[in-house]
Amino acid sequence: MIEISNVTKSYNGKVNAVDNLNLRVRDGEIFGFLGHNGAGKTTTIKMITGISDQDSGSILLDGIDIKKEPLKAKKQFGFVPDSPDMFLKLKGIEYLNFMADIYDVPIDLRKDRIKKLSTRFSMEHALGDKIQSYSHGMRQKIVIMGVLIHNPSIWILDEPLTGLDPKSAYILKEMMREHADAGNTVFFSTHVLEVAEKVCDRVGIINKGKLMFCGSLDELKNNIKNNDSLENIFLEMTKDE
């Protein structure tokens, strides 16, 4: 579970990038976080993951305060950033073992997980190659595999489907559903409304740092009098005031 309470973040003391945000992402659900570029999505994710501190309010991950107990809180989640261009000099298998070492994953357990993940993402024949030789989609897959190596209860994914081929995107969406159905939490940002509509149990729409809506897509559509498309509803909620 992710619990965000009265969280505010500003840069240089100017306009709030996130303004008094209150949000609860429950166990057992896939939660989509929607908003235009600059709406506050990335700032929120940076605070949830402990990359940035909030100015006020609290963020709890499975009941653990990310600001007060950062190391303990960070063991609860796996984070896929929006760019997979990292550790390019390492071979795929070296990167996965590095991530497993960070989270103290036992040798036998990590071997089993690496085998299962690499097979599922069709990466087993590329693990001996350096990441810099990978395509963008392959880099995205190796980062996702590294994130999942310690089997975290909370997945935090920033535009995770970008660059993935259709088969890999389908597999990741399938894994997200399996993870949530097992009683865990999936939080992911996306600007692809079609993906949100097909995958998410609930969504949050943020604009100018404020949460404009939080609920199911059916609830969102029921709030609109005319039978409008999700895209038009989203554009209406996030238009400039």
Protein backbone atom coordinates (compact mmCIF):
# COMPACT_ATOMS: atom_id res chain seq x y z
CA MET A 1 0.00 0.00 0.00
CA ILE A 2 1.09 3.55 -0.74
CA GLU A 3 -0.28 6.32 1.48
CA ILE A 4 0.40 9.94 0.57
CA SER A 5 -0.91 12.46 3.09
CA ASN A 6 -0.91 16.26 2.66
CA VAL A 7 2.27 16.21 0.57
CA THR A 8 3.56 19.44 -0.94
CA LYS A 9 6.72 20.08 -2.94
CA SER A 10 7.96 23.33 -4.44
CA TYR A 11 11.18 24.25 -6.19
CA ASN A 12 13.04 27.42 -5.23
CA GLY A 13 10.10 28.43 -3.04
CA LYS A 14 7.99 29.23 -6.09
CA VAL A 15 4.90 27.52 -7.53
CA ASN A 16 4.14 24.14 -5.97
CA ALA A 17 5.03 21.24 -8.25
CA VAL A 18 2.82 19.08 -6.01
CA ASP A 19 0.18 20.83 -3.93
CA ASN A 20 -1.28 19.17 -0.81
CA LEU A 21 -1.56 15.74 -2.43
CA ASN A 22 -3.62 13.06 -0.68
CA LEU A 23 -3.68 9.63 -2.27
CA ARG A 24 -4.01 6.01 -1.17
CA VAL A 25 -3.05 3.17 -3.50
CA ARG A 26 -4.49 -0.02 -2.07
CA ASP A 27 -3.10 -3.54 -2.00
CA GLY A 28 -4.48 -5.69 -4.80
CA GLU A 29 -4.89 -2.95 -7.38
CA ILE A 30 -3.22 -1.47 -10.43
CA PHE A 31 -3.28 2.30 -10.08
CA GLY A 32 -2.64 4.55 -13.06
CA PHE A 33 -1.25 8.05 -12.54
CA LEU A 34 -2.19 10.34 -15.41
CA GLY A 35 -1.19 13.87 -16.30
CA HIS A 36 0.49 16.03 -18.90
CA ASN A 37 4.23 16.72 -18.86
CA GLY A 38 4.89 19.09 -15.97
CA ALA A 39 1.66 18.16 -14.18
CA GLY A 40 3.50 16.75 -11.15
CA LYS A 41 3.72 13.04 -12.00
CA THR A 42 7.51 12.75 -11.98
CA THR A 43 7.87 14.90 -8.86
CA THR A 44 5.37 12.67 -7.06
CA ILE A 45 7.22 9.52 -8.11
CA LYS A 46 10.55 11.00 -6.99
CA MET A 47 9.08 11.66 -3.55
CA ILE A 48 7.48 8.21 -3.27
CA THR A 49 10.81 6.56 -4.11
CA GLY A 50 12.87 8.82 -1.85
CA ILE A 51 14.82 10.47 -4.66
CA SER A 52 13.44 13.83 -3.50
CA ASP A 53 12.14 14.90 -0.10
CA GLN A 54 8.71 16.41 0.24
CA ASP A 55 8.47 19.86 1.87
CA SER A 56 5.57 18.74 4.05
CA GLY A 57 3.29 15.77 4.62
CA SER A 58 4.09 12.06 4.82
CA ILE A 59 4.54 9.12 2.46
CA LEU A 60 4.16 5.57 3.77
CA LEU A 61 5.08 2.42 1.86
CA ASP A 62 3.50 -0.62 3.48
CA GLY A 63 3.29 1.50 6.62
CA ILE A 64 6.95 2.60 6.54
CA ASP A 65 7.78 6.31 6.29
CA ILE A 66 10.09 6.90 3.31
CA LYS A 67 11.59 9.99 4.95
CA LYS A 68 12.09 8.56 8.45
CA GLU A 69 13.18 5.03 7.47
CA PRO A 70 14.43 5.34 3.87
CA LEU A 71 16.41 2.09 3.62
CA LYS A 72 13.65 -0.02 5.13
CA ALA A 73 11.02 1.66 2.96
CA LYS A 74 13.06 1.22 -0.23
CA LYS A 75 13.20 -2.53 0.31
CA GLN A 76 9.42 -2.62 -0.08
CA PHE A 77 9.35 -1.46 -3.70
CA GLY A 78 10.87 -1.89 -7.12
CA PHE A 79 11.18 1.23 -9.29
CA VAL A 80 11.36 1.34 -13.08
CA PRO A 81 12.44 4.87 -14.16
CA ASP A 82 11.38 6.46 -17.43
CA SER A 83 14.86 6.00 -18.95
CA PRO A 84 16.56 2.56 -19.10
CA ASP A 85 19.97 3.95 -20.07
CA MET A 86 21.98 2.91 -17.01
CA PHE A 87 24.96 0.67 -16.16
CA LEU A 88 25.64 0.35 -19.89
CA LYS A 89 29.15 -1.10 -19.40
CA LEU A 90 27.78 -4.10 -17.47
CA LYS A 91 26.62 -7.31 -19.05
CA GLY A 92 22.97 -8.12 -18.51
CA ILE A 93 23.75 -10.94 -16.07
CA GLU A 94 26.19 -8.70 -14.16
CA TYR A 95 23.51 -6.06 -13.75
CA LEU A 96 20.97 -8.60 -12.49
CA ASN A 97 23.45 -10.02 -9.98
CA PHE A 98 24.35 -6.50 -8.88
CA MET A 99 20.68 -5.76 -8.18
CA ALA A 100 20.31 -9.10 -6.38
CA ASP A 101 23.34 -8.27 -4.21
CA ILE A 102 21.84 -4.92 -3.21
CA TYR A 103 18.70 -6.65 -1.94
CA ASP A 104 20.50 -9.67 -0.41
CA VAL A 105 18.75 -12.18 -2.66
CA PRO A 106 20.23 -15.66 -2.01
CA ILE A 107 22.19 -17.28 -4.86
CA ASP A 108 19.79 -20.17 -5.49
CA LEU A 109 16.74 -17.90 -5.38
CA ARG A 110 18.24 -15.31 -7.70
CA LYS A 111 19.24 -17.96 -10.24
CA ASP A 112 15.68 -19.24 -10.33
CA ARG A 113 14.21 -15.74 -10.71
CA ILE A 114 16.70 -14.73 -13.39
CA LYS A 115 15.87 -17.86 -15.34
CA LYS A 116 12.12 -17.30 -15.08
CA LEU A 117 12.27 -13.58 -15.88
CA SER A 118 14.72 -13.92 -18.77
CA THR A 119 12.63 -16.69 -20.29
CA ARG A 120 9.42 -14.73 -19.92
CA PHE A 121 10.93 -11.66 -21.59
CA SER A 122 12.89 -13.70 -24.18
CA MET A 123 16.19 -12.32 -22.86
CA GLU A 124 18.00 -15.55 -21.95
CA HIS A 125 20.37 -15.36 -24.94
CA ALA A 126 21.28 -11.70 -24.34
CA LEU A 127 22.38 -11.85 -20.70
CA GLY A 128 26.04 -12.34 -21.65
CA ASP A 129 26.08 -9.16 -23.76
CA LYS A 130 26.79 -5.65 -22.51
CA ILE A 131 23.73 -3.49 -21.93
CA GLN A 132 25.15 -0.80 -24.23
CA SER A 133 24.66 -3.22 -27.14
CA TYR A 134 20.96 -3.65 -26.33
CA SER A 135 18.13 -1.95 -28.17
CA HIS A 136 15.97 0.49 -26.19
CA GLY A 137 13.35 -2.18 -25.67
CA MET A 138 15.92 -4.71 -24.42
CA ARG A 139 17.33 -2.13 -22.00
CA GLN A 140 13.82 -1.53 -20.71
CA LYS A 141 13.35 -5.26 -20.17
CA ILE A 142 16.65 -5.75 -18.30
CA VAL A 143 15.81 -2.82 -16.00
CA ILE A 144 12.39 -4.34 -15.28
CA MET A 145 14.01 -7.70 -14.55
CA GLY A 146 16.47 -6.06 -12.16
CA VAL A 147 13.63 -4.30 -10.36
CA LEU A 148 11.72 -7.55 -9.87
CA ILE A 149 14.70 -9.64 -8.76
CA HIS A 150 13.89 -9.18 -5.05
CA ASN A 151 10.15 -9.71 -5.56
CA PRO A 152 9.01 -6.40 -3.99
CA SER A 153 5.42 -6.03 -2.81
CA ILE A 154 5.11 -2.55 -4.41
CA TRP A 155 5.87 -1.87 -8.06
CA ILE A 156 6.43 1.76 -9.07
CA LEU A 157 6.67 2.09 -12.84
CA ASP A 158 7.27 5.36 -14.71
CA GLU A 159 6.04 4.96 -18.31
CA PRO A 160 7.09 1.28 -18.25
CA LEU A 161 5.70 0.29 -21.66
CA THR A 162 7.68 2.86 -23.66
CA GLY A 163 9.93 1.11 -26.17
CA LEU A 164 8.64 -2.39 -25.50
CA ASP A 165 7.58 -4.54 -28.42
CA PRO A 166 3.91 -5.61 -28.39
CA LYS A 167 4.66 -9.07 -26.99
CA SER A 168 6.81 -7.75 -24.13
CA ALA A 169 4.25 -5.02 -23.37
CA TYR A 170 1.54 -7.67 -23.16
CA ILE A 171 3.71 -9.80 -20.86
CA LEU A 172 4.42 -6.87 -18.54
CA LYS A 173 0.73 -5.96 -18.34
CA GLU A 174 -0.01 -9.61 -17.59
CA MET A 175 2.61 -9.61 -14.82
CA MET A 176 1.19 -6.39 -13.37
CA ARG A 177 -2.22 -8.04 -13.18
CA GLU A 178 -0.80 -11.18 -11.57
CA HIS A 179 1.11 -9.08 -9.02
CA ALA A 180 -1.96 -7.08 -8.04
CA ASP A 181 -4.18 -10.17 -7.92
CA ALA A 182 -1.74 -11.68 -5.42
CA GLY A 183 -2.55 -8.81 -3.04
CA ASN A 184 0.29 -6.49 -3.99
CA THR A 185 0.42 -2.90 -5.24
CA VAL A 186 1.16 -1.60 -8.74
CA PHE A 187 1.55 2.16 -9.28
CA PHE A 188 2.43 3.35 -12.74
CA SER A 189 2.41 6.59 -14.64
CA THR A 190 1.32 6.75 -18.25
CA HIS A 191 0.15 9.24 -20.81
CA VAL A 192 -1.38 6.49 -22.97
CA LEU A 193 -5.04 6.64 -22.05
CA GLU A 194 -5.88 3.42 -23.87
CA VAL A 195 -3.45 1.54 -21.64
CA ALA A 196 -4.95 3.05 -18.50
CA GLU A 197 -8.44 2.14 -19.64
CA LYS A 198 -7.53 -1.50 -20.26
CA VAL A 199 -5.17 -2.14 -17.35
CA CYS A 200 -6.05 0.02 -14.34
CA ASP A 201 -8.46 -0.67 -11.50
CA ARG A 202 -8.35 3.00 -10.52
CA VAL A 203 -6.67 6.14 -11.82
CA GLY A 204 -5.56 9.47 -10.47
CA ILE A 205 -5.44 12.55 -12.69
CA ILE A 206 -3.02 15.29 -11.65
CA ASN A 207 -2.83 18.79 -13.12
CA LYS A 208 -0.65 21.67 -11.97
CA GLY A 209 0.30 19.69 -8.88
CA LYS A 210 -3.29 19.09 -7.76
CA LEU A 211 -5.19 15.82 -7.83
CA MET A 212 -8.19 16.45 -10.05
CA PHE A 213 -9.76 12.98 -9.79
CA CYS A 214 -9.18 9.64 -8.10
CA GLY A 215 -11.35 6.59 -8.70
CA SER A 216 -12.35 3.97 -11.24
CA LEU A 217 -12.76 4.78 -14.90
CA ASP A 218 -16.46 3.98 -14.63
CA GLU A 219 -16.75 6.58 -11.86
CA LEU A 220 -14.87 9.05 -14.01
CA LYS A 221 -17.19 8.52 -16.96
CA ASN A 222 -20.28 8.67 -14.74
CA ASN A 223 -19.22 12.13 -13.61
CA ILE A 224 -19.52 13.38 -17.17
CA LYS A 225 -23.04 14.09 -18.39
CA ASN A 226 -22.46 13.34 -22.04
CA ASN A 227 -21.09 9.94 -23.07
CA ASP A 228 -17.68 11.36 -23.92
CA SER A 229 -14.46 9.48 -24.66
CA LEU A 230 -11.82 9.03 -21.97
CA GLU A 231 -9.47 11.21 -23.99
CA ASN A 232 -11.93 14.12 -24.10
CA ILE A 233 -12.66 13.76 -20.38
CA PHE A 234 -8.92 13.82 -19.63
CA LEU A 235 -8.36 16.87 -21.82
CA GLU A 236 -11.26 18.68 -20.19
CA MET A 237 -9.90 17.98 -16.69
CA THR A 238 -6.37 19.06 -17.52
CA LYS A 239 -7.06 22.11 -19.67
CA ASP A 240 -5.49 25.40 -18.70
CA GLU A 241 -7.56 27.40 -16.28
